[in-house]
Amino acid sequence: MTSHPPDRLTRTALDHRIETAVGRSVEELWQHRDDGLLDAPHAALADAHRDLVAAERDVGFYRLRLARLASSDLPVDQALFARIDRTLDQLAQAARRRDAKQTTAAAALEPIEAGAPRQVAGQIPTKDIAALLAIAQGAKLHEHLVTHRLAVATPTRTRISYAQLRRLEANGFVERDSSHPVQAGQPVTLTDAGRAVLTIPRRAGAPGTAPAPSPPAFPAVSRPRR
């Protein structure tokens, strides 16, 4: 039987929103849940996200199985068609379960987002502001066919590393269209939060020295005194 990848390696469409709202990675959110350090809303979010990850993992499993059936050396006969049809049905069911779990997780996230502190433009590094300005003019994430290195191409030739792109995604400033293969280029666009950053006046300061705010601590569960 094909084994699933570890949960922590399975990304979801809500990850960057969750990480922005809680100020930590989803892995840290899970760890705090396991340690009993979260209040009820954050614990509910962690549980809903875990369910979403499991559902997303199942989608990936059946998608990979379908790709293997289509690209293998199996005889092209009625038996193969039956296996493909069965896998398509399983993939469709997994996608429906994933969508339902995503709706549940998004509902658990909304009240936390509403109370989360927002970054202001003066606290965002200058290089990130430059990257957002470049992305606003059009950008694509490409994977080199030979080296498989990921890089963001922009009309202004502004250098945006993949690590910086991931940070901007985690902050909720940009998003990419994963329906396009990275070999052909995944469009990267600003979110509403990213556009808002570019419209807020910024305080003057030394270039590149604007400090990022400390991420908020998770609300802790109150423990009874002994």
Protein backbone atom coordinates (compact mmCIF):
# COMPACT_ATOMS: atom_id res chain seq x y z
CA MET A 1 0.00 0.00 0.00
CA THR A 2 1.25 3.48 -0.89
CA SER A 3 2.14 5.47 2.21
CA HIS A 4 1.05 9.06 2.72
CA PRO A 5 3.60 11.85 3.16
CA PRO A 6 3.91 13.29 6.67
CA ASP A 7 1.06 15.68 7.52
CA ARG A 8 3.43 18.58 8.16
CA LEU A 9 4.60 18.47 4.52
CA THR A 10 1.06 18.80 3.13
CA ARG A 11 0.20 22.43 2.48
CA THR A 12 -3.35 23.78 2.23
CA ALA A 13 -4.97 26.84 0.73
CA LEU A 14 -5.50 28.32 4.21
CA ASP A 15 -1.97 27.97 5.56
CA HIS A 16 -0.79 31.51 4.86
CA ARG A 17 -3.98 33.01 6.31
CA ILE A 18 -3.65 30.91 9.46
CA GLU A 19 0.04 31.75 9.91
CA THR A 20 -0.71 35.44 9.47
CA ALA A 21 -3.55 35.39 11.98
CA VAL A 22 -1.78 33.43 14.71
CA GLY A 23 1.73 34.77 14.12
CA ARG A 24 3.28 31.30 14.04
CA SER A 25 3.70 28.44 11.59
CA VAL A 26 0.97 25.84 11.38
CA GLU A 27 3.45 23.30 12.77
CA GLU A 28 3.87 25.45 15.88
CA LEU A 29 0.10 25.85 16.13
CA TRP A 30 -0.24 22.06 16.18
CA GLN A 31 2.50 21.73 18.79
CA HIS A 32 0.82 24.27 21.05
CA ARG A 33 -2.43 22.33 20.63
CA ASP A 34 -0.72 19.11 21.67
CA ASP A 35 0.78 20.86 24.68
CA GLY A 36 -2.61 22.18 25.79
CA LEU A 37 -1.55 25.82 25.53
CA LEU A 38 -4.35 27.14 23.31
CA ASP A 39 -7.63 28.77 24.20
CA ALA A 40 -10.84 27.31 22.77
CA PRO A 41 -10.92 29.26 19.45
CA HIS A 42 -7.28 28.50 18.62
CA ALA A 43 -7.69 24.86 19.64
CA ALA A 44 -10.72 24.56 17.37
CA LEU A 45 -8.72 26.09 14.53
CA ALA A 46 -5.83 23.67 15.06
CA ASP A 47 -8.20 20.69 15.05
CA ALA A 48 -10.01 21.92 11.93
CA HIS A 49 -6.70 22.51 10.17
CA ARG A 50 -5.52 19.00 10.99
CA ASP A 51 -8.70 17.60 9.46
CA LEU A 52 -8.14 19.78 6.39
CA VAL A 53 -4.55 18.57 6.01
CA ALA A 54 -5.69 14.93 6.17
CA ALA A 55 -8.33 15.62 3.52
CA GLU A 56 -5.81 17.47 1.31
CA ARG A 57 -3.41 14.55 1.70
CA ASP A 58 -6.09 12.16 0.43
CA VAL A 59 -6.67 14.35 -2.62
CA GLY A 60 -2.96 14.24 -3.38
CA PHE A 61 -2.88 10.46 -2.93
CA TYR A 62 -5.63 9.78 -5.50
CA ARG A 63 -4.26 12.43 -7.84
CA LEU A 64 -0.88 10.70 -7.80
CA ARG A 65 -2.50 7.30 -8.33
CA LEU A 66 -4.38 8.66 -11.35
CA ALA A 67 -1.17 10.11 -12.80
CA ARG A 68 0.61 6.78 -12.40
CA LEU A 69 -2.20 4.91 -14.12
CA ALA A 70 -2.12 7.33 -17.03
CA SER A 71 1.66 7.25 -17.43
CA SER A 72 2.46 3.61 -16.65
CA ASP A 73 3.23 0.78 -19.03
CA LEU A 74 -0.02 -1.03 -18.22
CA PRO A 75 -1.92 -2.40 -21.22
CA VAL A 76 -4.52 0.03 -22.52
CA ASP A 77 -7.60 -2.14 -22.12
CA GLN A 78 -10.97 -2.20 -20.40
CA ALA A 79 -9.36 -3.15 -17.08
CA LEU A 80 -7.23 0.01 -17.18
CA PHE A 81 -10.23 2.15 -18.06
CA ALA A 82 -12.12 0.67 -15.11
CA ARG A 83 -9.25 1.46 -12.74
CA ILE A 84 -9.03 5.03 -14.06
CA ASP A 85 -12.79 5.53 -13.68
CA ARG A 86 -12.68 4.15 -10.13
CA THR A 87 -9.76 6.41 -9.22
CA LEU A 88 -11.51 9.44 -10.71
CA ASP A 89 -14.54 8.73 -8.52
CA GLN A 90 -12.29 8.39 -5.46
CA LEU A 91 -10.52 11.64 -6.34
CA ALA A 92 -13.85 13.46 -6.73
CA GLN A 93 -15.05 12.17 -3.36
CA ALA A 94 -11.77 13.18 -1.71
CA ALA A 95 -12.03 16.67 -3.23
CA ARG A 96 -15.56 17.08 -1.88
CA ARG A 97 -14.41 16.04 1.59
CA ARG A 98 -11.48 18.46 1.32
CA ASP A 99 -13.77 21.34 0.33
CA ALA A 100 -16.05 20.63 3.31
CA LYS A 101 -13.08 20.56 5.71
CA GLN A 102 -11.75 23.79 4.21
CA THR A 103 -15.10 25.49 4.80
CA THR A 104 -15.03 24.35 8.44
CA ALA A 105 -11.46 25.52 8.95
CA ALA A 106 -12.18 28.89 7.34
CA ALA A 107 -15.13 29.38 9.68
CA ALA A 108 -12.88 28.62 12.68
CA LEU A 109 -10.27 31.06 11.35
CA GLU A 110 -12.54 34.07 10.79
CA PRO A 111 -12.98 35.16 14.44
CA ILE A 112 -9.23 34.82 15.03
CA GLU A 113 -8.47 36.91 11.95
CA ALA A 114 -10.90 39.55 13.16
CA GLY A 115 -8.99 39.95 16.41
CA ALA A 116 -5.46 39.55 15.03
CA PRO A 117 -3.15 42.61 15.10
CA ARG A 118 -2.22 43.86 11.65
CA GLN A 119 1.19 44.87 10.42
CA VAL A 120 1.54 48.49 9.39
CA ALA A 121 3.61 49.56 6.42
CA GLY A 122 6.28 51.16 8.60
CA GLN A 123 7.02 47.77 10.18
CA ILE A 124 7.54 45.94 6.89
CA PRO A 125 11.13 45.65 5.59
CA THR A 126 11.96 47.93 2.68
CA LYS A 127 12.97 44.98 0.50
CA ASP A 128 9.51 43.49 0.96
CA ILE A 129 7.89 46.76 -0.07
CA ALA A 130 10.07 46.75 -3.20
CA ALA A 131 9.03 43.17 -3.92
CA LEU A 132 5.34 44.04 -3.56
CA LEU A 133 5.76 46.99 -5.93
CA ALA A 134 7.39 44.69 -8.49
CA ILE A 135 4.73 42.00 -8.11
CA ALA A 136 2.02 44.64 -8.61
CA GLN A 137 3.33 45.06 -12.17
CA GLY A 138 3.08 41.34 -12.90
CA ALA A 139 5.12 38.39 -11.67
CA LYS A 140 5.44 34.66 -12.17
CA LEU A 141 7.12 31.90 -10.19
CA HIS A 142 9.19 29.67 -12.48
CA GLU A 143 10.99 26.36 -11.97
CA HIS A 144 14.16 25.88 -14.01
CA LEU A 145 13.81 22.75 -16.15
CA VAL A 146 17.39 21.62 -15.47
CA THR A 147 18.29 22.84 -11.98
CA HIS A 148 14.68 22.81 -10.64
CA ARG A 149 15.44 26.04 -8.77
CA LEU A 150 12.46 28.30 -8.13
CA ALA A 151 12.63 31.99 -8.93
CA VAL A 152 10.20 34.88 -9.35
CA ALA A 153 10.36 36.83 -12.62
CA THR A 154 9.09 40.42 -12.75
CA PRO A 155 9.05 43.07 -15.50
CA THR A 156 11.31 45.31 -13.39
CA ARG A 157 13.84 42.47 -12.86
CA THR A 158 13.56 43.00 -9.11
CA ARG A 159 15.23 40.05 -7.37
CA ILE A 160 12.67 38.09 -5.35
CA SER A 161 13.89 34.85 -3.85
CA TYR A 162 11.60 31.90 -3.25
CA ALA A 163 12.14 32.30 0.50
CA GLN A 164 11.01 35.92 0.31
CA LEU A 165 7.98 34.91 -1.72
CA ARG A 166 7.04 32.35 0.93
CA ARG A 167 7.36 35.02 3.62
CA LEU A 168 5.11 37.39 1.69
CA GLU A 169 2.61 34.55 1.27
CA ALA A 170 2.74 33.76 4.99
CA ASN A 171 2.00 37.43 5.74
CA GLY A 172 -1.00 37.27 3.43
CA PHE A 173 0.36 39.92 1.04
CA VAL A 174 0.57 37.81 -2.13
CA GLU A 175 -0.92 34.66 -3.60
CA ARG A 176 -0.07 32.48 -6.55
CA ASP A 177 -2.22 30.58 -9.00
CA SER A 178 -1.22 26.96 -8.39
CA SER A 179 -3.49 25.78 -11.22
CA HIS A 180 -0.57 26.65 -13.53
CA PRO A 181 2.55 24.43 -13.52
CA VAL A 182 5.66 26.14 -12.19
CA GLN A 183 7.55 25.04 -15.31
CA ALA A 184 5.30 27.33 -17.35
CA GLY A 185 5.09 29.96 -14.62
CA GLN A 186 2.62 30.43 -11.76
CA PRO A 187 1.16 33.95 -11.72
CA VAL A 188 1.85 35.80 -8.46
CA THR A 189 -0.52 38.62 -7.51
CA LEU A 190 -1.14 40.94 -4.60
CA THR A 191 -3.92 40.23 -2.13
CA ASP A 192 -6.12 42.98 -0.72
CA ALA A 193 -3.75 43.13 2.26
CA GLY A 194 -0.76 43.49 -0.05
CA ARG A 195 -2.40 46.31 -1.98
CA ALA A 196 -3.32 48.01 1.28
CA VAL A 197 0.33 47.95 2.37
CA LEU A 198 1.31 49.93 -0.72
CA THR A 199 -1.33 52.59 -0.10
CA ILE A 200 -0.53 53.27 3.57
CA PRO A 201 1.96 56.13 4.14
CA ARG A 202 5.24 54.84 5.54
CA ARG A 203 7.39 56.56 8.10
CA ALA A 204 10.86 57.59 7.03
CA GLY A 205 13.72 55.42 8.23
CA ALA A 206 16.98 53.87 7.19
CA PRO A 207 16.48 51.63 4.14
CA GLY A 208 16.07 47.99 5.06
CA THR A 209 16.04 48.62 8.79
CA ALA A 210 12.32 48.72 9.47
CA PRO A 211 11.78 46.06 12.12
CA ALA A 212 9.16 43.38 11.70
CA PRO A 213 6.74 43.23 14.60
CA SER A 214 7.05 40.43 17.11
CA PRO A 215 4.46 37.74 16.40
CA PRO A 216 1.65 37.65 18.93
CA ALA A 217 1.75 34.97 21.57
CA PHE A 218 -0.97 32.35 21.50
CA PRO A 219 -3.65 32.98 24.11
CA ALA A 220 -2.97 30.54 26.87
CA VAL A 221 -5.52 28.39 28.59
CA SER A 222 -6.06 29.61 32.12
CA ARG A 223 -5.08 26.94 34.61
CA PRO A 224 -6.71 26.59 38.02
CA ARG A 225 -4.58 27.54 40.99
CA ARG A 226 -3.56 24.82 43.36
